Amino acid sequence: MSVLSGISWLQEGPFALYRWGDLFEDIPLFMEAFIYTIGISICALIFAFLLGTVLGISSASRSKVLSIFTRIYVELFQNTPLLIQIFFVYYGLPMVGIVLDTYIIGIICVGLYHAAYIAEVIRSGIGSVAKGQMEAALSQGFSFWESMWLIVLPQAFRIMLPALTNQVVNLIKNTSAIAIISGADIMFTANSWSSMNLHYVPAFAFAAFLYFLLCFPLTQLSVRLEEKNKKAYTR
C-alpha cells in the first residue's frame, strides 16, 4: 500500500512530477522575474544606503533639528509595515496626480524602508569610533561632514559591514512585498503562474530556491565578516 500510495502521490498529488515538468517548461518566465528582483534590489539598496548614510550621520550631529528629524524618520518607518507604505504610495500618489511605474514604486518604498535600518547601523558604527578621532579632525580644519566622510566612517565601516550585509539580505527578501501591487518579481510570478494551473508547490518551492540563491551567499559573508571582526578584536 505504501508503494502504491507513493506512486499515486507522484502522479496526482501536489508534488506530482507533471507539475514540475510544467514548471521547467516555463523556467524563462521565472528567470525574467529573477532578473527583475535583482535589478530592483540593487537600485533599492543604492538608494537605501545613500539615504541611510546621510540619516545616520545626521543623527550623530550636534544639530537638534537633524537629530529629531532622523529619529522621527527611523521610528516611523521601522514601526509601520512595509506593505502599508507600499499601498500609501501606490494608491495615494495618483490622487495628487503623480503616477509612478510599479518598478519605481518598489525601489522607492523598499529603499525608504531599509534606509531607516541602515541609518541605525551607521549611527551605531559612528558611536563605536573614539570621539577623539572627530575632535582631531575638527581641530585640523575639517568640517563636520568632511570629518565623517574622510575620518570616522572609514574606521567604522569594518565594524558596520556584517550588519549592513544582513540588511542587504533583508532588503532582497522584502522586495517580495511589491508582489501585492503586481510587480513582476519572483513572488508575483510564482503566485500568478500557479493561479493559472494550480501548481502551487512547485511554483513557491522554486521561488524559495531563487531567493535562497540570492541570500545564502550574503548570509555566509556576514558570518565570516563577524568572525573576522571578533578575531581582530581578540588579538
C-alpha atoms as a PDB file:
ATOM      1  CA  MET A   1       0.000   0.000   0.000  1.00  0.00           C
ATOM      2  CA  SER A   2       2.822   2.394   0.855  1.00  0.00           C
ATOM      3  CA  VAL A   3       4.482   1.858  -2.528  1.00  0.00           C
ATOM      4  CA  LEU A   4       1.186   2.313  -4.361  1.00  0.00           C
ATOM      5  CA  SER A   5       0.352   5.427  -2.376  1.00  0.00           C
ATOM      6  CA  GLY A   6       3.816   6.805  -3.142  1.00  0.00           C
ATOM      7  CA  ILE A   7       3.327   6.231  -6.855  1.00  0.00           C
ATOM      8  CA  SER A   8      -0.122   7.828  -6.700  1.00  0.00           C
ATOM      9  CA  TRP A   9       1.369  10.803  -4.856  1.00  0.00           C
ATOM     10  CA  LEU A  10       3.920  11.329  -7.620  1.00  0.00           C
ATOM     11  CA  GLN A  11       1.223  11.077 -10.262  1.00  0.00           C
ATOM     12  CA  GLU A  12      -1.625  13.101  -8.772  1.00  0.00           C
ATOM     13  CA  GLY A  13      -0.510  14.816  -5.562  1.00  0.00           C
ATOM     14  CA  PRO A  14       0.815  18.362  -5.045  1.00  0.00           C
ATOM     15  CA  PHE A  15       4.332  17.028  -5.736  1.00  0.00           C
ATOM     16  CA  ALA A  16       3.281  15.229  -8.907  1.00  0.00           C
ATOM     17  CA  LEU A  17       6.031  15.020 -11.493  1.00  0.00           C
ATOM     18  CA  TYR A  18       3.938  16.548 -14.265  1.00  0.00           C
ATOM     19  CA  ARG A  19       3.601  19.716 -12.166  1.00  0.00           C
ATOM     20  CA  TRP A  20       7.384  20.030 -12.026  1.00  0.00           C
ATOM     21  CA  GLY A  21       7.549  19.338 -15.744  1.00  0.00           C
ATOM     22  CA  ASP A  22       5.235  22.265 -16.402  1.00  0.00           C
ATOM     23  CA  LEU A  23       7.433  24.431 -14.167  1.00  0.00           C
ATOM     24  CA  PHE A  24      10.608  23.604 -16.084  1.00  0.00           C
ATOM     25  CA  GLU A  25       8.875  24.418 -19.349  1.00  0.00           C
ATOM     26  CA  ASP A  26       8.202  27.918 -18.041  1.00  0.00           C
ATOM     27  CA  ILE A  27      11.618  28.469 -16.435  1.00  0.00           C
ATOM     28  CA  PRO A  28      12.314  31.510 -18.693  1.00  0.00           C
ATOM     29  CA  LEU A  29       9.349  33.262 -17.073  1.00  0.00           C
ATOM     30  CA  PHE A  30      10.837  32.744 -13.627  1.00  0.00           C
ATOM     31  CA  MET A  31      14.283  33.795 -14.842  1.00  0.00           C
ATOM     32  CA  GLU A  32      12.834  37.110 -16.007  1.00  0.00           C
ATOM     33  CA  ALA A  33      11.338  37.562 -12.544  1.00  0.00           C
ATOM     34  CA  PHE A  34      14.709  36.625 -11.029  1.00  0.00           C
ATOM     35  CA  ILE A  35      16.486  39.332 -13.033  1.00  0.00           C
ATOM     36  CA  TYR A  36      13.702  41.805 -12.189  1.00  0.00           C
ATOM     37  CA  THR A  37      14.188  41.087  -8.483  1.00  0.00           C
ATOM     38  CA  ILE A  38      17.952  41.521  -8.731  1.00  0.00           C
ATOM     39  CA  GLY A  39      17.526  44.848 -10.533  1.00  0.00           C
ATOM     40  CA  ILE A  40      15.046  46.262  -8.054  1.00  0.00           C
ATOM     41  CA  SER A  41      17.180  45.019  -5.145  1.00  0.00           C
ATOM     42  CA  ILE A  42      20.317  46.723  -6.451  1.00  0.00           C
ATOM     43  CA  CYS A  43      18.555  50.037  -7.121  1.00  0.00           C
ATOM     44  CA  ALA A  44      16.732  49.992  -3.779  1.00  0.00           C
ATOM     45  CA  LEU A  45      19.974  49.117  -1.983  1.00  0.00           C
ATOM     46  CA  ILE A  46      21.869  52.042  -3.527  1.00  0.00           C
ATOM     47  CA  PHE A  47      19.036  54.405  -2.618  1.00  0.00           C
ATOM     48  CA  ALA A  48      18.735  52.986   0.915  1.00  0.00           C
ATOM     49  CA  PHE A  49      22.483  53.086   1.518  1.00  0.00           C
ATOM     50  CA  LEU A  50      22.900  56.691   0.377  1.00  0.00           C
ATOM     51  CA  LEU A  51      19.871  57.953   2.313  1.00  0.00           C
ATOM     52  CA  GLY A  52      20.645  55.793   5.343  1.00  0.00           C
ATOM     53  CA  THR A  53      24.221  57.079   5.470  1.00  0.00           C
ATOM     54  CA  VAL A  54      23.060  60.708   5.403  1.00  0.00           C
ATOM     55  CA  LEU A  55      20.465  59.978   8.097  1.00  0.00           C
ATOM     56  CA  GLY A  56      22.967  58.069  10.213  1.00  0.00           C
ATOM     57  CA  ILE A  57      25.453  60.931  10.100  1.00  0.00           C
ATOM     58  CA  SER A  58      22.677  63.437  10.802  1.00  0.00           C
ATOM     59  CA  SER A  59      21.634  61.513  13.901  1.00  0.00           C
ATOM     60  CA  ALA A  60      25.184  61.835  15.215  1.00  0.00           C
ATOM     61  CA  SER A  61      25.385  65.567  14.532  1.00  0.00           C
ATOM     62  CA  ARG A  62      25.080  68.281  17.145  1.00  0.00           C
ATOM     63  CA  SER A  63      22.094  69.784  15.351  1.00  0.00           C
ATOM     64  CA  LYS A  64      18.926  69.074  17.319  1.00  0.00           C
ATOM     65  CA  VAL A  65      16.787  69.657  14.220  1.00  0.00           C
ATOM     66  CA  LEU A  66      18.636  66.978  12.236  1.00  0.00           C
ATOM     67  CA  SER A  67      18.677  64.579  15.173  1.00  0.00           C
ATOM     68  CA  ILE A  68      14.949  64.962  15.812  1.00  0.00           C
ATOM     69  CA  PHE A  69      14.100  64.633  12.111  1.00  0.00           C
ATOM     70  CA  THR A  70      16.205  61.476  11.821  1.00  0.00           C
ATOM     71  CA  ARG A  71      14.647  59.980  14.946  1.00  0.00           C
ATOM     72  CA  ILE A  72      11.134  60.627  13.624  1.00  0.00           C
ATOM     73  CA  TYR A  73      12.015  59.105  10.252  1.00  0.00           C
ATOM     74  CA  VAL A  74      13.559  55.988  11.780  1.00  0.00           C
ATOM     75  CA  GLU A  75      10.707  55.401  14.216  1.00  0.00           C
ATOM     76  CA  LEU A  76       8.072  55.998  11.538  1.00  0.00           C
ATOM     77  CA  PHE A  77       9.484  53.556   9.023  1.00  0.00           C
ATOM     78  CA  GLN A  78      10.626  50.913  11.487  1.00  0.00           C
ATOM     79  CA  ASN A  79       7.274  50.787  13.263  1.00  0.00           C
ATOM     80  CA  THR A  80       4.927  50.650  10.271  1.00  0.00           C
ATOM     81  CA  PRO A  81       4.623  47.670   7.891  1.00  0.00           C
ATOM     82  CA  LEU A  82       6.293  47.899   4.510  1.00  0.00           C
ATOM     83  CA  LEU A  83       3.047  46.773   2.867  1.00  0.00           C
ATOM     84  CA  ILE A  84       1.179  49.799   4.225  1.00  0.00           C
ATOM     85  CA  GLN A  85       3.930  52.087   2.965  1.00  0.00           C
ATOM     86  CA  ILE A  86       3.672  50.496  -0.490  1.00  0.00           C
ATOM     87  CA  PHE A  87      -0.121  50.873  -0.509  1.00  0.00           C
ATOM     88  CA  PHE A  88       0.214  54.500   0.595  1.00  0.00           C
ATOM     89  CA  VAL A  89       2.485  55.347  -2.343  1.00  0.00           C
ATOM     90  CA  TYR A  90       0.689  53.139  -4.894  1.00  0.00           C
ATOM     91  CA  TYR A  91      -2.812  54.398  -4.137  1.00  0.00           C
ATOM     92  CA  GLY A  92      -2.078  57.781  -2.582  1.00  0.00           C
ATOM     93  CA  LEU A  93       0.181  59.456  -5.119  1.00  0.00           C
ATOM     94  CA  PRO A  94      -2.258  59.074  -8.062  1.00  0.00           C
ATOM     95  CA  MET A  95      -4.779  61.068  -6.015  1.00  0.00           C
ATOM     96  CA  VAL A  96      -2.473  64.079  -6.278  1.00  0.00           C
ATOM     97  CA  GLY A  97      -1.686  63.475  -9.940  1.00  0.00           C
ATOM     98  CA  ILE A  98       1.554  61.504  -9.509  1.00  0.00           C
ATOM     99  CA  VAL A  99       1.565  58.116 -11.254  1.00  0.00           C
ATOM    100  CA  LEU A 100       4.700  56.019 -10.992  1.00  0.00           C
ATOM    101  CA  ASP A 101       5.704  52.726 -12.540  1.00  0.00           C
ATOM    102  CA  THR A 102       5.499  49.704 -10.234  1.00  0.00           C
ATOM    103  CA  TYR A 103       9.252  49.181 -10.573  1.00  0.00           C
ATOM    104  CA  ILE A 104       9.961  52.728  -9.370  1.00  0.00           C
ATOM    105  CA  ILE A 105       7.471  52.398  -6.512  1.00  0.00           C
ATOM    106  CA  GLY A 106       9.247  49.234  -5.404  1.00  0.00           C
ATOM    107  CA  ILE A 107      12.626  50.966  -5.413  1.00  0.00           C
ATOM    108  CA  ILE A 108      11.313  53.982  -3.507  1.00  0.00           C
ATOM    109  CA  CYS A 109       9.337  52.076  -0.873  1.00  0.00           C
ATOM    110  CA  VAL A 110      11.879  49.341  -0.201  1.00  0.00           C
ATOM    111  CA  GLY A 111      14.669  51.933  -0.257  1.00  0.00           C
ATOM    112  CA  LEU A 112      12.934  54.278   2.185  1.00  0.00           C
ATOM    113  CA  TYR A 113      12.073  51.407   4.493  1.00  0.00           C
ATOM    114  CA  HIS A 114      15.580  49.985   4.706  1.00  0.00           C
ATOM    115  CA  ALA A 115      17.196  53.413   4.876  1.00  0.00           C
ATOM    116  CA  ALA A 116      15.772  53.626   8.406  1.00  0.00           C
ATOM    117  CA  TYR A 117      17.548  50.415   9.417  1.00  0.00           C
ATOM    118  CA  ILE A 118      20.786  51.332   7.666  1.00  0.00           C
ATOM    119  CA  ALA A 119      20.693  54.710   9.429  1.00  0.00           C
ATOM    120  CA  GLU A 120      20.694  52.892  12.780  1.00  0.00           C
ATOM    121  CA  VAL A 121      23.613  50.716  11.676  1.00  0.00           C
ATOM    122  CA  ILE A 122      25.551  53.812  10.592  1.00  0.00           C
ATOM    123  CA  ARG A 123      24.742  55.589  13.859  1.00  0.00           C
ATOM    124  CA  SER A 124      25.968  52.616  15.894  1.00  0.00           C
ATOM    125  CA  GLY A 125      29.104  52.354  13.785  1.00  0.00           C
ATOM    126  CA  ILE A 126      29.898  56.022  14.280  1.00  0.00           C
ATOM    127  CA  GLY A 127      29.392  55.602  18.013  1.00  0.00           C
ATOM    128  CA  SER A 128      31.986  52.812  18.072  1.00  0.00           C
ATOM    129  CA  VAL A 129      34.741  55.149  16.858  1.00  0.00           C
ATOM    130  CA  ALA A 130      36.602  57.048  19.552  1.00  0.00           C
ATOM    131  CA  LYS A 131      35.358  60.627  19.916  1.00  0.00           C
ATOM    132  CA  GLY A 132      38.949  61.811  19.790  1.00  0.00           C
ATOM    133  CA  GLN A 133      39.031  60.997  16.080  1.00  0.00           C
ATOM    134  CA  MET A 134      36.314  63.524  15.354  1.00  0.00           C
ATOM    135  CA  GLU A 135      37.847  66.113  17.656  1.00  0.00           C
ATOM    136  CA  ALA A 136      41.249  65.694  15.997  1.00  0.00           C
ATOM    137  CA  ALA A 137      39.721  66.099  12.534  1.00  0.00           C
ATOM    138  CA  LEU A 138      37.824  69.234  13.542  1.00  0.00           C
ATOM    139  CA  SER A 139      40.950  70.699  15.082  1.00  0.00           C
ATOM    140  CA  GLN A 140      42.716  70.256  11.738  1.00  0.00           C
ATOM    141  CA  GLY A 141      40.119  72.414   9.994  1.00  0.00           C
ATOM    142  CA  PHE A 142      37.824  69.732   8.619  1.00  0.00           C
ATOM    143  CA  SER A 143      34.091  70.417   8.665  1.00  0.00           C
ATOM    144  CA  PHE A 144      31.723  68.052  10.456  1.00  0.00           C
ATOM    145  CA  TRP A 145      30.664  66.293   7.223  1.00  0.00           C
ATOM    146  CA  GLU A 146      34.236  66.122   5.921  1.00  0.00           C
ATOM    147  CA  SER A 147      35.346  64.584   9.224  1.00  0.00           C
ATOM    148  CA  MET A 148      32.591  61.994   8.995  1.00  0.00           C
ATOM    149  CA  TRP A 149      33.214  61.010   5.373  1.00  0.00           C
ATOM    150  CA  LEU A 150      37.019  61.072   5.486  1.00  0.00           C
ATOM    151  CA  ILE A 151      37.919  60.093   9.059  1.00  0.00           C
ATOM    152  CA  VAL A 152      35.120  58.477  11.050  1.00  0.00           C
ATOM    153  CA  LEU A 153      33.147  56.403   8.516  1.00  0.00           C
ATOM    154  CA  PRO A 154      36.195  54.632   7.013  1.00  0.00           C
ATOM    155  CA  GLN A 155      37.111  53.434  10.504  1.00  0.00           C
ATOM    156  CA  ALA A 156      33.543  52.421  11.351  1.00  0.00           C
ATOM    157  CA  PHE A 157      32.922  50.637   8.066  1.00  0.00           C
ATOM    158  CA  ARG A 158      34.640  47.391   9.080  1.00  0.00           C
ATOM    159  CA  ILE A 159      32.517  47.250  12.223  1.00  0.00           C
ATOM    160  CA  MET A 160      29.301  48.026  10.351  1.00  0.00           C
ATOM    161  CA  LEU A 161      29.889  45.637   7.435  1.00  0.00           C
ATOM    162  CA  PRO A 162      28.330  42.468   8.948  1.00  0.00           C
ATOM    163  CA  ALA A 163      25.178  44.355   9.967  1.00  0.00           C
ATOM    164  CA  LEU A 164      24.992  46.056   6.585  1.00  0.00           C
ATOM    165  CA  THR A 165      25.277  42.679   4.875  1.00  0.00           C
ATOM    166  CA  ASN A 166      22.335  41.433   6.939  1.00  0.00           C
ATOM    167  CA  GLN A 167      20.348  44.445   5.788  1.00  0.00           C
ATOM    168  CA  VAL A 168      21.080  43.559   2.169  1.00  0.00           C
ATOM    169  CA  VAL A 169      19.643  40.075   2.790  1.00  0.00           C
ATOM    170  CA  ASN A 170      16.532  41.531   4.431  1.00  0.00           C
ATOM    171  CA  LEU A 171      16.116  44.016   1.607  1.00  0.00           C
ATOM    172  CA  ILE A 172      16.205  41.286  -1.033  1.00  0.00           C
ATOM    173  CA  LYS A 173      13.565  39.276   0.815  1.00  0.00           C
ATOM    174  CA  ASN A 174      11.381  42.344   1.349  1.00  0.00           C
ATOM    175  CA  THR A 175      11.222  43.046  -2.382  1.00  0.00           C
ATOM    176  CA  SER A 176       8.648  40.234  -2.384  1.00  0.00           C
ATOM    177  CA  ALA A 177       6.193  42.743  -0.870  1.00  0.00           C
ATOM    178  CA  ILE A 178       5.821  44.508  -4.225  1.00  0.00           C
ATOM    179  CA  ALA A 179       4.005  41.416  -5.496  1.00  0.00           C
ATOM    180  CA  ILE A 180       0.930  42.897  -3.823  1.00  0.00           C
ATOM    181  CA  ILE A 181       0.900  45.695  -6.431  1.00  0.00           C
ATOM    182  CA  SER A 182       1.652  43.349  -9.340  1.00  0.00           C
ATOM    183  CA  GLY A 183       5.374  43.939  -9.529  1.00  0.00           C
ATOM    184  CA  ALA A 184       6.915  41.370 -11.866  1.00  0.00           C
ATOM    185  CA  ASP A 185       9.177  39.948  -9.167  1.00  0.00           C
ATOM    186  CA  ILE A 186       9.735  36.325  -8.145  1.00  0.00           C
ATOM    187  CA  MET A 187       6.834  36.186  -5.697  1.00  0.00           C
ATOM    188  CA  PHE A 188       4.298  37.732  -8.069  1.00  0.00           C
ATOM    189  CA  THR A 189       5.385  35.458 -10.900  1.00  0.00           C
ATOM    190  CA  ALA A 190       5.097  32.356  -8.702  1.00  0.00           C
ATOM    191  CA  ASN A 191       1.664  33.414  -7.485  1.00  0.00           C
ATOM    192  CA  SER A 192       0.244  34.346 -10.894  1.00  0.00           C
ATOM    193  CA  TRP A 193       1.710  31.275 -12.639  1.00  0.00           C
ATOM    194  CA  SER A 194       0.405  28.842 -10.024  1.00  0.00           C
ATOM    195  CA  SER A 195      -3.017  30.513 -10.006  1.00  0.00           C
ATOM    196  CA  MET A 196      -3.456  29.550 -13.653  1.00  0.00           C
ATOM    197  CA  ASN A 197      -2.547  25.878 -13.302  1.00  0.00           C
ATOM    198  CA  LEU A 198      -2.813  25.188  -9.538  1.00  0.00           C
ATOM    199  CA  HIS A 199       0.840  24.059  -9.359  1.00  0.00           C
ATOM    200  CA  TYR A 200       1.376  25.873  -6.060  1.00  0.00           C
ATOM    201  CA  VAL A 201       4.013  23.604  -4.523  1.00  0.00           C
ATOM    202  CA  PRO A 202       6.483  23.673  -7.438  1.00  0.00           C
ATOM    203  CA  ALA A 203       5.938  27.401  -8.006  1.00  0.00           C
ATOM    204  CA  PHE A 204       6.618  28.534  -4.448  1.00  0.00           C
ATOM    205  CA  ALA A 205       9.297  25.918  -3.829  1.00  0.00           C
ATOM    206  CA  PHE A 206      11.186  27.228  -6.856  1.00  0.00           C
ATOM    207  CA  ALA A 207      10.577  30.830  -5.740  1.00  0.00           C
ATOM    208  CA  ALA A 208      12.081  29.973  -2.346  1.00  0.00           C
ATOM    209  CA  PHE A 209      15.058  28.392  -4.111  1.00  0.00           C
ATOM    210  CA  LEU A 210      15.675  31.569  -6.142  1.00  0.00           C
ATOM    211  CA  TYR A 211      15.562  33.735  -3.020  1.00  0.00           C
ATOM    212  CA  PHE A 212      17.916  31.258  -1.354  1.00  0.00           C
ATOM    213  CA  LEU A 213      20.387  31.631  -4.231  1.00  0.00           C
ATOM    214  CA  LEU A 214      20.415  35.390  -3.678  1.00  0.00           C
ATOM    215  CA  CYS A 215      20.500  35.451   0.108  1.00  0.00           C
ATOM    216  CA  PHE A 216      22.584  32.463   1.225  1.00  0.00           C
ATOM    217  CA  PRO A 217      25.966  33.709  -0.109  1.00  0.00           C
ATOM    218  CA  LEU A 218      25.367  37.079   1.577  1.00  0.00           C
ATOM    219  CA  THR A 219      24.428  35.399   4.855  1.00  0.00           C
ATOM    220  CA  GLN A 220      27.624  33.373   4.786  1.00  0.00           C
ATOM    221  CA  LEU A 221      29.599  36.533   4.004  1.00  0.00           C
ATOM    222  CA  SER A 222      28.059  38.228   7.033  1.00  0.00           C
ATOM    223  CA  VAL A 223      29.042  35.304   9.282  1.00  0.00           C
ATOM    224  CA  ARG A 224      32.624  35.368   8.016  1.00  0.00           C
ATOM    225  CA  LEU A 225      32.888  39.112   8.495  1.00  0.00           C
ATOM    226  CA  GLU A 226      31.642  38.807  12.075  1.00  0.00           C
ATOM    227  CA  GLU A 227      34.184  36.073  12.786  1.00  0.00           C
ATOM    228  CA  LYS A 228      36.921  38.172  11.223  1.00  0.00           C
ATOM    229  CA  ASN A 229      35.994  41.149  13.395  1.00  0.00           C
ATOM    230  CA  LYS A 230      35.981  39.004  16.542  1.00  0.00           C
ATOM    231  CA  LYS A 231      39.476  37.706  15.745  1.00  0.00           C
ATOM    232  CA  ALA A 232      40.691  41.261  15.089  1.00  0.00           C
ATOM    233  CA  TYR A 233      39.436  42.471  18.481  1.00  0.00           C
ATOM    234  CA  THR A 234      40.748  39.459  20.418  1.00  0.00           C
ATOM    235  CA  ARG A 235      44.343  39.964  19.268  1.00  0.00           C
END
